[in-house]
Structures are given as structure tokens and as C-alpha cells.
Amino acid sequence: MSIVHVSEEELEAGLPEILASPPDDGTVELIVRRPTEGERELLEEGDLTVDEGLAGDDWLARGLRSKNGAPHPGTQVTLMNSRAIALIAGDRDRWALAGDQLYVDLDLSPENLPHGTRLAIGSAEVQVTDTPHTGCAKFTERFGSAAIRFVNSPAGRANRLRGMYVDVLVPGTVRPGDTVRKL
């Protein structure tokens, strides 16, 4: 599989399709567990837990840290818009490289899902946190400098194109095809 980074022009041209994501009753498109750094497992079913986030994911070992060194409570699970990653990564086999756990067809903008919004995903309930998700050097390496500029542009931030963090409130199981809805 050859890696081709999408141009700034192509990204901008694809923005209307991302903005057409449903505001409610979205869909889980892909679940990815990161058991260790650099590894990705595509799951047909994932358990969201209050302690671990996505069970078996390495969030506890390497997630963002609070000042006291504990895992940052506002960064347990990440959701990324599936239309955004499809535009940025192209082939679905490359989506997992972004490093997020849940890829959903849903409008993730703060206007639609402000901090504190509760979502039902499968049998789990999660809550949107106020911790920004902006991407990193690995995202830039994998998808190109135009992609990181796109997700961090004013339009990118206004629509959370790099994704968002949620914390698990009620444990449950999630599967591709499950509905994501506001509570």
C-alpha cells in the first residue's frame, strides 16, 4: 500500500462532506484497540469500562498525564469523525494509524456536542470532556503536514476534525454498526 498524503486543496474540498455528518443517531464505523505502542487491533466488539476506557487499550500506560502523574481523567477514549479520517487517510486500512479508539459518523463539533454532553454508544454511556485533541508528530508523519494544519485550522477546531475525548460513565459493549446518540 503506497502512502500518499492528501493535499490542502483536497482536504478543503472534502470539508462539506464532513460537515454533513448526522448531529444525532450517528454510527460506530470502526473500533481500534492499541494494546502497546505502535500496535493496532480492529475489534468486532469492545468493552468500555470506567477504569480502563476501552478494555485492553494502553491508555492507562501512556495516555496524557495529570500534574500528579496519573492518567488525565479527561482523555480516556477518543472519538474521531469517520468522514474526516476517510478524507485524511484514504483507505480504511489506514484509519487506525490516527490512534483513536472509536471512529464514528457523527457531528463532533462543540456546537453539537458541548462539554458535558452524554452519549449512548452501544450499551455504554460516555461524557464529552473539555480536553482538546489536537494531534501530534505521529499524526503529521502518517498523514502529512497539510492534514495536521487542516484539523487544527479554525474550521478544523470548530468541528473537532481531529476528534474529541470522552470519559466512560456507564460501562458497556460497543460494536461497529451501533448507534451513537445524545442523551
N, C-alpha and C. Protein backbone atom coordinates (compact mmCIF):
# COMPACT_ATOMS: atom_id res chain seq x y z
N MET A 1 0.86 -1.17 0.00
CA MET A 1 0.00 0.00 0.00
C MET A 1 0.90 1.23 0.00
N SER A 2 0.82 2.05 -1.04
CA SER A 2 1.61 3.27 -1.07
C SER A 2 0.90 4.34 -0.26
N ILE A 3 1.71 5.16 0.39
CA ILE A 3 1.16 6.21 1.23
C ILE A 3 1.24 7.52 0.47
N VAL A 4 0.09 8.11 0.25
CA VAL A 4 0.01 9.39 -0.42
C VAL A 4 -0.71 10.34 0.52
N HIS A 5 -0.06 11.45 0.84
CA HIS A 5 -0.70 12.44 1.69
C HIS A 5 -1.64 13.31 0.85
N VAL A 6 -2.78 13.59 1.42
CA VAL A 6 -3.80 14.38 0.73
C VAL A 6 -3.39 15.84 0.75
N SER A 7 -3.62 16.52 -0.34
CA SER A 7 -3.24 17.93 -0.44
C SER A 7 -4.21 18.82 0.33
N GLU A 8 -3.76 20.02 0.62
CA GLU A 8 -4.60 21.00 1.30
C GLU A 8 -5.87 21.28 0.50
N GLU A 9 -5.74 21.35 -0.81
CA GLU A 9 -6.89 21.62 -1.66
C GLU A 9 -7.91 20.49 -1.58
N GLU A 10 -7.43 19.25 -1.59
CA GLU A 10 -8.34 18.09 -1.50
C GLU A 10 -9.04 18.06 -0.14
N LEU A 11 -8.30 18.40 0.92
CA LEU A 11 -8.89 18.41 2.26
C LEU A 11 -9.98 19.47 2.34
N GLU A 12 -9.69 20.67 1.86
CA GLU A 12 -10.68 21.74 1.88
C GLU A 12 -11.92 21.38 1.06
N ALA A 13 -11.70 20.73 -0.08
CA ALA A 13 -12.82 20.33 -0.94
C ALA A 13 -13.69 19.27 -0.27
N GLY A 14 -13.12 18.48 0.63
CA GLY A 14 -13.87 17.43 1.32
C GLY A 14 -14.60 17.88 2.57
N LEU A 15 -14.36 19.12 3.00
CA LEU A 15 -14.98 19.61 4.24
C LEU A 15 -16.51 19.56 4.21
N PRO A 16 -17.18 19.93 3.12
CA PRO A 16 -18.65 19.87 3.13
C PRO A 16 -19.20 18.46 3.43
N GLU A 17 -18.54 17.43 2.96
CA GLU A 17 -18.98 16.06 3.25
C GLU A 17 -18.86 15.75 4.75
N ILE A 18 -17.79 16.21 5.37
CA ILE A 18 -17.63 16.01 6.82
C ILE A 18 -18.72 16.76 7.57
N LEU A 19 -18.97 17.99 7.15
CA LEU A 19 -19.97 18.82 7.82
C LEU A 19 -21.40 18.29 7.66
N ALA A 20 -21.59 17.36 6.73
CA ALA A 20 -22.90 16.74 6.54
C ALA A 20 -23.13 15.55 7.48
N SER A 21 -22.20 15.31 8.40
CA SER A 21 -22.35 14.21 9.36
C SER A 21 -23.61 14.42 10.19
N PRO A 22 -24.28 13.34 10.57
CA PRO A 22 -25.52 13.49 11.35
C PRO A 22 -25.26 14.09 12.73
N PRO A 23 -26.15 14.98 13.19
CA PRO A 23 -25.98 15.59 14.51
C PRO A 23 -26.38 14.65 15.64
N ASP A 24 -27.19 13.65 15.34
CA ASP A 24 -27.62 12.67 16.33
C ASP A 24 -27.85 11.36 15.59
N ASP A 25 -27.97 10.30 16.32
CA ASP A 25 -28.16 8.98 15.71
C ASP A 25 -27.06 8.68 14.70
N GLY A 26 -25.82 8.89 15.15
CA GLY A 26 -24.67 8.52 14.34
C GLY A 26 -24.42 7.03 14.43
N THR A 27 -23.31 6.60 13.83
CA THR A 27 -23.00 5.18 13.76
C THR A 27 -21.53 4.93 14.09
N VAL A 28 -21.26 3.88 14.84
CA VAL A 28 -19.88 3.44 15.07
C VAL A 28 -19.42 2.74 13.79
N GLU A 29 -18.34 3.22 13.22
CA GLU A 29 -17.81 2.65 11.98
C GLU A 29 -16.64 1.70 12.22
N LEU A 30 -15.81 1.99 13.23
CA LEU A 30 -14.61 1.19 13.47
C LEU A 30 -14.21 1.33 14.93
N ILE A 31 -13.75 0.22 15.51
CA ILE A 31 -13.23 0.20 16.88
C ILE A 31 -11.79 -0.29 16.81
N VAL A 32 -10.89 0.47 17.43
CA VAL A 32 -9.46 0.14 17.39
C VAL A 32 -8.90 0.14 18.81
N ARG A 33 -8.26 -0.96 19.15
CA ARG A 33 -7.57 -1.05 20.45
C ARG A 33 -6.08 -0.96 20.18
N ARG A 34 -5.38 -0.26 21.08
CA ARG A 34 -3.93 -0.10 20.99
C ARG A 34 -3.33 -0.85 22.18
N PRO A 35 -3.01 -2.14 22.04
CA PRO A 35 -2.52 -2.90 23.18
C PRO A 35 -1.14 -2.46 23.66
N THR A 36 -0.29 -2.04 22.74
CA THR A 36 1.03 -1.48 23.06
C THR A 36 1.33 -0.40 22.04
N GLU A 37 2.32 0.40 22.32
CA GLU A 37 2.68 1.48 21.39
C GLU A 37 2.98 0.92 20.01
N GLY A 38 2.35 1.51 19.00
CA GLY A 38 2.57 1.12 17.62
C GLY A 38 1.71 -0.03 17.13
N GLU A 39 1.01 -0.72 18.03
CA GLU A 39 0.14 -1.83 17.63
C GLU A 39 -1.30 -1.36 17.55
N ARG A 40 -2.05 -1.97 16.63
CA ARG A 40 -3.47 -1.67 16.48
C ARG A 40 -4.22 -2.97 16.27
N GLU A 41 -5.35 -3.12 16.95
CA GLU A 41 -6.23 -4.27 16.76
C GLU A 41 -7.62 -3.74 16.40
N LEU A 42 -8.14 -4.18 15.27
CA LEU A 42 -9.50 -3.84 14.88
C LEU A 42 -10.43 -4.81 15.58
N LEU A 43 -11.44 -4.28 16.25
CA LEU A 43 -12.33 -5.11 17.06
C LEU A 43 -13.72 -5.19 16.47
N GLU A 44 -14.32 -6.35 16.58
CA GLU A 44 -15.72 -6.54 16.23
C GLU A 44 -16.60 -6.23 17.43
N GLU A 45 -15.98 -6.11 18.60
CA GLU A 45 -16.69 -5.79 19.83
C GLU A 45 -15.67 -5.27 20.83
N GLY A 46 -16.02 -4.19 21.52
CA GLY A 46 -15.14 -3.64 22.53
C GLY A 46 -15.92 -3.35 23.80
N ASP A 47 -15.26 -3.53 24.92
CA ASP A 47 -15.88 -3.21 26.20
C ASP A 47 -15.32 -1.88 26.69
N LEU A 48 -16.23 -0.94 26.96
CA LEU A 48 -15.84 0.33 27.55
C LEU A 48 -16.03 0.20 29.06
N THR A 49 -14.97 0.50 29.81
CA THR A 49 -15.01 0.37 31.27
C THR A 49 -14.70 1.70 31.92
N VAL A 50 -15.17 1.87 33.13
CA VAL A 50 -14.94 3.11 33.86
C VAL A 50 -13.46 3.26 34.21
N ASP A 51 -12.77 2.15 34.48
CA ASP A 51 -11.36 2.21 34.90
C ASP A 51 -10.37 2.28 33.74
N GLU A 52 -10.63 1.53 32.68
CA GLU A 52 -9.67 1.41 31.58
C GLU A 52 -9.99 2.21 30.33
N GLY A 53 -11.22 2.66 30.18
CA GLY A 53 -11.65 3.18 28.89
C GLY A 53 -12.00 1.99 28.02
N LEU A 54 -11.35 1.81 26.88
CA LEU A 54 -11.54 0.63 26.05
C LEU A 54 -10.69 -0.48 26.64
N ALA A 55 -11.34 -1.56 27.09
CA ALA A 55 -10.62 -2.67 27.74
C ALA A 55 -9.50 -3.19 26.84
N GLY A 56 -8.30 -3.34 27.42
CA GLY A 56 -7.16 -3.85 26.69
C GLY A 56 -6.36 -2.79 25.96
N ASP A 57 -6.85 -1.54 25.94
CA ASP A 57 -6.12 -0.44 25.32
C ASP A 57 -5.04 0.03 26.30
N ASP A 58 -3.99 0.61 25.78
CA ASP A 58 -2.88 1.03 26.66
C ASP A 58 -3.01 2.46 27.17
N TRP A 59 -4.22 3.01 27.18
CA TRP A 59 -4.43 4.38 27.67
C TRP A 59 -3.85 4.57 29.06
N LEU A 60 -4.05 3.62 29.97
CA LEU A 60 -3.54 3.77 31.33
C LEU A 60 -2.03 3.88 31.35
N ALA A 61 -1.36 3.17 30.45
CA ALA A 61 0.10 3.16 30.44
C ALA A 61 0.71 4.38 29.78
N ARG A 62 0.04 4.93 28.76
CA ARG A 62 0.71 6.01 28.04
C ARG A 62 -0.16 7.20 27.70
N GLY A 63 -1.34 7.30 28.27
CA GLY A 63 -2.20 8.44 27.98
C GLY A 63 -1.64 9.74 28.55
N LEU A 64 -2.28 10.85 28.20
CA LEU A 64 -1.89 12.14 28.77
C LEU A 64 -1.90 12.05 30.28
N ARG A 65 -1.01 12.77 30.94
CA ARG A 65 -0.87 12.70 32.38
C ARG A 65 -1.30 13.99 33.06
N SER A 66 -1.89 13.82 34.25
CA SER A 66 -2.22 14.96 35.10
C SER A 66 -0.94 15.40 35.80
N LYS A 67 -1.01 16.52 36.50
CA LYS A 67 0.16 17.03 37.21
C LYS A 67 0.69 16.04 38.23
N ASN A 68 -0.19 15.19 38.79
CA ASN A 68 0.25 14.21 39.78
C ASN A 68 0.77 12.93 39.16
N GLY A 69 0.84 12.86 37.83
CA GLY A 69 1.37 11.70 37.14
C GLY A 69 0.35 10.63 36.80
N ALA A 70 -0.87 10.78 37.29
CA ALA A 70 -1.93 9.81 36.99
C ALA A 70 -2.47 10.09 35.58
N PRO A 71 -3.09 9.07 34.96
CA PRO A 71 -3.70 9.33 33.66
C PRO A 71 -4.70 10.48 33.76
N HIS A 72 -4.63 11.38 32.80
CA HIS A 72 -5.52 12.54 32.79
C HIS A 72 -6.96 12.04 32.70
N PRO A 73 -7.82 12.46 33.63
CA PRO A 73 -9.18 11.92 33.65
C PRO A 73 -10.02 12.33 32.45
N GLY A 74 -9.63 13.33 31.72
CA GLY A 74 -10.43 13.79 30.59
C GLY A 74 -10.00 13.24 29.25
N THR A 75 -9.21 12.15 29.24
CA THR A 75 -8.67 11.64 27.98
C THR A 75 -8.81 10.13 27.84
N GLN A 76 -9.82 9.56 28.42
CA GLN A 76 -9.95 8.11 28.49
C GLN A 76 -10.14 7.44 27.12
N VAL A 77 -11.04 7.95 26.30
CA VAL A 77 -11.35 7.36 25.00
C VAL A 77 -11.45 8.49 23.98
N THR A 78 -10.97 8.24 22.77
CA THR A 78 -11.10 9.25 21.72
C THR A 78 -12.06 8.79 20.64
N LEU A 79 -12.86 9.74 20.18
CA LEU A 79 -13.75 9.53 19.04
C LEU A 79 -13.25 10.43 17.92
N MET A 80 -13.24 9.90 16.71
CA MET A 80 -12.91 10.71 15.54
C MET A 80 -14.00 10.51 14.51
N ASN A 81 -14.32 11.58 13.81
CA ASN A 81 -15.34 11.54 12.77
C ASN A 81 -14.83 10.65 11.63
N SER A 82 -15.64 9.66 11.26
CA SER A 82 -15.22 8.71 10.22
C SER A 82 -15.09 9.37 8.85
N ARG A 83 -15.88 10.40 8.59
CA ARG A 83 -15.76 11.10 7.31
C ARG A 83 -14.45 11.89 7.24
N ALA A 84 -14.04 12.43 8.39
CA ALA A 84 -12.77 13.17 8.44
C ALA A 84 -11.59 12.24 8.22
N ILE A 85 -11.57 11.10 8.92
CA ILE A 85 -10.43 10.19 8.76
C ILE A 85 -10.44 9.56 7.37
N ALA A 86 -11.61 9.32 6.79
CA ALA A 86 -11.67 8.78 5.44
C ALA A 86 -11.04 9.75 4.45
N LEU A 87 -11.29 11.03 4.63
CA LEU A 87 -10.70 12.06 3.77
C LEU A 87 -9.19 12.13 3.98
N ILE A 88 -8.76 12.13 5.23
CA ILE A 88 -7.35 12.30 5.56
C ILE A 88 -6.52 11.06 5.23
N ALA A 89 -7.03 9.89 5.61
CA ALA A 89 -6.25 8.66 5.49
C ALA A 89 -6.50 7.89 4.20
N GLY A 90 -7.66 8.13 3.59
CA GLY A 90 -8.00 7.38 2.39
C GLY A 90 -8.45 5.98 2.76
N ASP A 91 -7.69 5.00 2.35
CA ASP A 91 -8.01 3.59 2.56
C ASP A 91 -8.37 3.31 4.02
N ARG A 92 -9.49 2.65 4.24
CA ARG A 92 -9.98 2.32 5.59
C ARG A 92 -8.92 1.57 6.41
N ASP A 93 -8.05 0.83 5.73
CA ASP A 93 -6.98 0.11 6.42
C ASP A 93 -6.00 1.05 7.11
N ARG A 94 -6.01 2.33 6.73
CA ARG A 94 -5.10 3.30 7.32
C ARG A 94 -5.73 4.12 8.45
N TRP A 95 -7.05 4.00 8.66
CA TRP A 95 -7.72 4.80 9.68
C TRP A 95 -7.09 4.61 11.06
N ALA A 96 -6.79 3.38 11.42
CA ALA A 96 -6.28 3.07 12.76
C ALA A 96 -4.97 3.78 13.07
N LEU A 97 -4.24 4.19 12.05
CA LEU A 97 -2.98 4.90 12.26
C LEU A 97 -3.17 6.22 13.00
N ALA A 98 -4.38 6.76 12.97
CA ALA A 98 -4.64 8.03 13.67
C ALA A 98 -4.53 7.84 15.19
N GLY A 99 -4.73 6.62 15.68
CA GLY A 99 -4.55 6.35 17.10
C GLY A 99 -5.79 6.53 17.95
N ASP A 100 -6.93 6.73 17.34
CA ASP A 100 -8.17 6.87 18.10
C ASP A 100 -8.81 5.50 18.29
N GLN A 101 -9.74 5.41 19.26
CA GLN A 101 -10.37 4.13 19.52
C GLN A 101 -11.70 3.94 18.78
N LEU A 102 -12.51 4.98 18.71
CA LEU A 102 -13.82 4.87 18.07
C LEU A 102 -13.92 5.86 16.92
N TYR A 103 -14.24 5.33 15.74
CA TYR A 103 -14.44 6.15 14.55
C TYR A 103 -15.94 6.13 14.29
N VAL A 104 -16.54 7.31 14.33
CA VAL A 104 -18.00 7.41 14.29
C VAL A 104 -18.45 8.39 13.21
N ASP A 105 -19.59 8.08 12.61
CA ASP A 105 -20.22 9.01 11.68
C ASP A 105 -21.18 9.86 12.50
N LEU A 106 -20.68 10.99 13.00
CA LEU A 106 -21.43 11.87 13.89
C LEU A 106 -20.77 13.24 13.87
N ASP A 107 -21.56 14.28 13.94
CA ASP A 107 -21.06 15.65 14.05
C ASP A 107 -20.47 15.82 15.45
N LEU A 108 -19.15 15.94 15.53
CA LEU A 108 -18.45 16.05 16.81
C LEU A 108 -18.20 17.49 17.24
N SER A 109 -18.73 18.44 16.51
CA SER A 109 -18.45 19.85 16.81
C SER A 109 -18.89 20.21 18.23
N PRO A 110 -18.17 21.14 18.88
CA PRO A 110 -18.58 21.60 20.21
C PRO A 110 -19.98 22.21 20.21
N GLU A 111 -20.38 22.76 19.09
CA GLU A 111 -21.74 23.31 18.99
C GLU A 111 -22.78 22.20 19.12
N ASN A 112 -22.50 21.04 18.52
CA ASN A 112 -23.42 19.91 18.59
C ASN A 112 -23.25 19.09 19.87
N LEU A 113 -21.99 18.95 20.31
CA LEU A 113 -21.68 18.14 21.47
C LEU A 113 -20.81 18.93 22.45
N PRO A 114 -21.40 19.88 23.17
CA PRO A 114 -20.60 20.66 24.12
C PRO A 114 -20.08 19.79 25.27
N HIS A 115 -19.06 20.31 25.93
CA HIS A 115 -18.50 19.65 27.12
C HIS A 115 -19.65 19.26 28.05
N GLY A 116 -19.61 18.02 28.53
CA GLY A 116 -20.63 17.53 29.45
C GLY A 116 -21.74 16.75 28.77
N THR A 117 -21.81 16.81 27.44
CA THR A 117 -22.85 16.05 26.74
C THR A 117 -22.64 14.56 26.98
N ARG A 118 -23.72 13.88 27.27
CA ARG A 118 -23.68 12.43 27.45
C ARG A 118 -24.12 11.76 26.16
N LEU A 119 -23.42 10.67 25.82
CA LEU A 119 -23.73 9.90 24.63
C LEU A 119 -23.93 8.44 24.99
N ALA A 120 -24.90 7.81 24.35
CA ALA A 120 -25.05 6.36 24.43
C ALA A 120 -24.34 5.79 23.21
N ILE A 121 -23.43 4.85 23.45
CA ILE A 121 -22.71 4.17 22.38
C ILE A 121 -22.83 2.69 22.69
N GLY A 122 -23.57 1.97 21.87
CA GLY A 122 -23.85 0.58 22.22
C GLY A 122 -24.57 0.57 23.56
N SER A 123 -24.12 -0.27 24.49
CA SER A 123 -24.74 -0.31 25.81
C SER A 123 -24.00 0.56 26.83
N ALA A 124 -22.98 1.29 26.38
CA ALA A 124 -22.19 2.16 27.27
C ALA A 124 -22.70 3.60 27.21
N GLU A 125 -22.36 4.37 28.23
CA GLU A 125 -22.61 5.80 28.23
C GLU A 125 -21.29 6.50 28.51
N VAL A 126 -21.04 7.55 27.73
CA VAL A 126 -19.83 8.33 27.87
C VAL A 126 -20.20 9.80 27.98
N GLN A 127 -19.22 10.61 28.40
CA GLN A 127 -19.44 12.05 28.52
C GLN A 127 -18.30 12.79 27.85
N VAL A 128 -18.66 13.79 27.04
CA VAL A 128 -17.68 14.62 26.34
C VAL A 128 -16.90 15.44 27.37
N THR A 129 -15.56 15.44 27.24
CA THR A 129 -14.72 16.21 28.14
C THR A 129 -14.32 17.54 27.48
N ASP A 130 -13.70 18.40 28.25
CA ASP A 130 -13.25 19.68 27.70
C ASP A 130 -11.78 19.67 27.31
N THR A 131 -11.14 18.50 27.32
CA THR A 131 -9.73 18.40 26.95
C THR A 131 -9.60 18.42 25.43
N PRO A 132 -8.84 19.37 24.87
CA PRO A 132 -8.71 19.41 23.41
C PRO A 132 -7.87 18.25 22.88
N HIS A 133 -8.21 17.79 21.69
CA HIS A 133 -7.47 16.72 20.99
C HIS A 133 -6.96 17.34 19.70
N THR A 134 -5.65 17.56 19.62
CA THR A 134 -5.11 18.35 18.51
C THR A 134 -4.16 17.60 17.59
N GLY A 135 -3.81 16.39 17.90
CA GLY A 135 -2.87 15.68 17.04
C GLY A 135 -1.45 15.83 17.52
N CYS A 136 -0.56 15.06 16.92
CA CYS A 136 0.83 15.01 17.39
C CYS A 136 1.75 14.81 16.20
N ALA A 137 3.03 14.66 16.51
CA ALA A 137 4.03 14.45 15.47
C ALA A 137 3.75 13.16 14.68
N LYS A 138 3.25 12.13 15.36
CA LYS A 138 2.95 10.87 14.67
C LYS A 138 1.82 11.06 13.66
N PHE A 139 0.81 11.84 14.02
CA PHE A 139 -0.29 12.12 13.10
C PHE A 139 0.26 12.83 11.86
N THR A 140 1.13 13.81 12.07
CA THR A 140 1.74 14.54 10.96
C THR A 140 2.56 13.61 10.09
N GLU A 141 3.36 12.75 10.71
CA GLU A 141 4.20 11.81 9.96
C GLU A 141 3.35 10.87 9.12
N ARG A 142 2.26 10.39 9.67
CA ARG A 142 1.43 9.41 8.99
C ARG A 142 0.53 10.00 7.90
N PHE A 143 0.08 11.24 8.12
CA PHE A 143 -0.92 11.81 7.21
C PHE A 143 -0.46 13.10 6.53
N GLY A 144 0.66 13.65 6.93
CA GLY A 144 1.20 14.82 6.26
C GLY A 144 0.93 16.13 6.96
N SER A 145 1.73 17.13 6.61
CA SER A 145 1.61 18.44 7.26
C SER A 145 0.31 19.15 6.86
N ALA A 146 -0.19 18.90 5.65
CA ALA A 146 -1.47 19.52 5.27
C ALA A 146 -2.59 18.99 6.16
N ALA A 147 -2.55 17.71 6.51
CA ALA A 147 -3.60 17.12 7.35
C ALA A 147 -3.59 17.72 8.75
N ILE A 148 -2.42 17.89 9.35
CA ILE A 148 -2.39 18.46 10.71
C ILE A 148 -2.82 19.93 10.68
N ARG A 149 -2.45 20.64 9.64
CA ARG A 149 -2.91 22.03 9.52
C ARG A 149 -4.43 22.08 9.33
N PHE A 150 -4.97 21.15 8.57
CA PHE A 150 -6.41 21.07 8.31
C PHE A 150 -7.18 20.83 9.61
N VAL A 151 -6.78 19.84 10.39
CA VAL A 151 -7.53 19.53 11.61
C VAL A 151 -7.37 20.59 12.68
N ASN A 152 -6.28 21.35 12.62
CA ASN A 152 -6.04 22.41 13.61
C ASN A 152 -6.36 23.81 13.09
N SER A 153 -6.91 23.90 11.88
CA SER A 153 -7.33 25.19 11.33
C SER A 153 -8.55 25.68 12.11
N PRO A 154 -8.94 26.94 11.94
CA PRO A 154 -10.16 27.40 12.61
C PRO A 154 -11.38 26.51 12.33
N ALA A 155 -11.57 26.12 11.06
CA ALA A 155 -12.70 25.23 10.73
C ALA A 155 -12.50 23.84 11.34
N GLY A 156 -11.25 23.38 11.35
CA GLY A 156 -10.95 22.07 11.92
C GLY A 156 -11.24 22.01 13.41
N ARG A 157 -10.82 23.03 14.13
CA ARG A 157 -11.08 23.08 15.58
C ARG A 157 -12.57 23.30 15.86
N ALA A 158 -13.22 24.14 15.05
CA ALA A 158 -14.65 24.42 15.25
C ALA A 158 -15.51 23.17 15.04
N ASN A 159 -14.95 22.19 14.35
CA ASN A 159 -15.70 20.97 14.07
C ASN A 159 -15.04 19.72 14.66
N ARG A 160 -14.02 19.93 15.49
CA ARG A 160 -13.27 18.83 16.13
C ARG A 160 -12.87 17.77 15.10
N LEU A 161 -12.25 18.21 14.02
CA LEU A 161 -11.87 17.27 12.97
C LEU A 161 -10.79 16.30 13.42
N ARG A 162 -10.00 16.65 14.43
CA ARG A 162 -9.02 15.70 14.96
C ARG A 162 -9.65 14.76 15.96
N GLY A 163 -10.89 15.04 16.34
CA GLY A 163 -11.59 14.15 17.26
C GLY A 163 -11.80 14.80 18.60
N MET A 164 -12.29 14.00 19.54
CA MET A 164 -12.57 14.50 20.88
C MET A 164 -12.42 13.38 21.89
N TYR A 165 -12.23 13.80 23.13
CA TYR A 165 -12.12 12.85 24.23
C TYR A 165 -13.46 12.70 24.94
N VAL A 166 -13.70 11.48 25.42
CA VAL A 166 -14.85 11.20 26.27
C VAL A 166 -14.37 10.33 27.44
N ASP A 167 -15.09 10.41 28.53
CA ASP A 167 -14.87 9.52 29.67
C ASP A 167 -16.06 8.58 29.78
N VAL A 168 -15.79 7.35 30.19
CA VAL A 168 -16.84 6.34 30.34
C VAL A 168 -17.56 6.56 31.67
N LEU A 169 -18.87 6.72 31.61
CA LEU A 169 -19.69 6.87 32.82
C LEU A 169 -20.38 5.56 33.20
N VAL A 170 -20.89 4.85 32.19
CA VAL A 170 -21.58 3.58 32.40
C VAL A 170 -20.90 2.56 31.49
N PRO A 171 -20.32 1.50 32.07
CA PRO A 171 -19.64 0.51 31.24
C PRO A 171 -20.62 -0.20 30.31
N GLY A 172 -20.08 -0.68 29.20
CA GLY A 172 -20.92 -1.40 28.25
C GLY A 172 -20.12 -1.87 27.06
N THR A 173 -20.81 -2.52 26.15
CA THR A 173 -20.20 -3.09 24.95
C THR A 173 -20.57 -2.25 23.74
N VAL A 174 -19.61 -2.10 22.85
CA VAL A 174 -19.82 -1.34 21.63
C VAL A 174 -19.35 -2.18 20.44
N ARG A 175 -20.10 -2.07 19.35
CA ARG A 175 -19.79 -2.83 18.13
C ARG A 175 -19.91 -1.91 16.91
N PRO A 176 -19.16 -2.18 15.85
CA PRO A 176 -19.40 -1.44 14.60
C PRO A 176 -20.87 -1.61 14.20
N GLY A 177 -21.46 -0.52 13.76
CA GLY A 177 -22.87 -0.51 13.39
C GLY A 177 -23.78 -0.01 14.51
N ASP A 178 -23.26 0.03 15.76
CA ASP A 178 -24.06 0.55 16.86
C ASP A 178 -24.37 2.03 16.65
N THR A 179 -25.51 2.45 17.19
CA THR A 179 -25.91 3.85 17.13
C THR A 179 -25.19 4.64 18.22
N VAL A 180 -24.82 5.87 17.86
CA VAL A 180 -24.28 6.84 18.82
C VAL A 180 -25.33 7.94 18.91
N ARG A 181 -25.88 8.15 20.12
CA ARG A 181 -26.92 9.18 20.23
C ARG A 181 -26.74 9.99 21.51
N LYS A 182 -27.19 11.22 21.40
CA LYS A 182 -27.15 12.13 22.55
C LYS A 182 -28.22 11.72 23.55
N LEU A 183 -27.88 11.85 24.82
CA LEU A 183 -28.84 11.55 25.89
C LEU A 183 -29.38 12.84 26.48
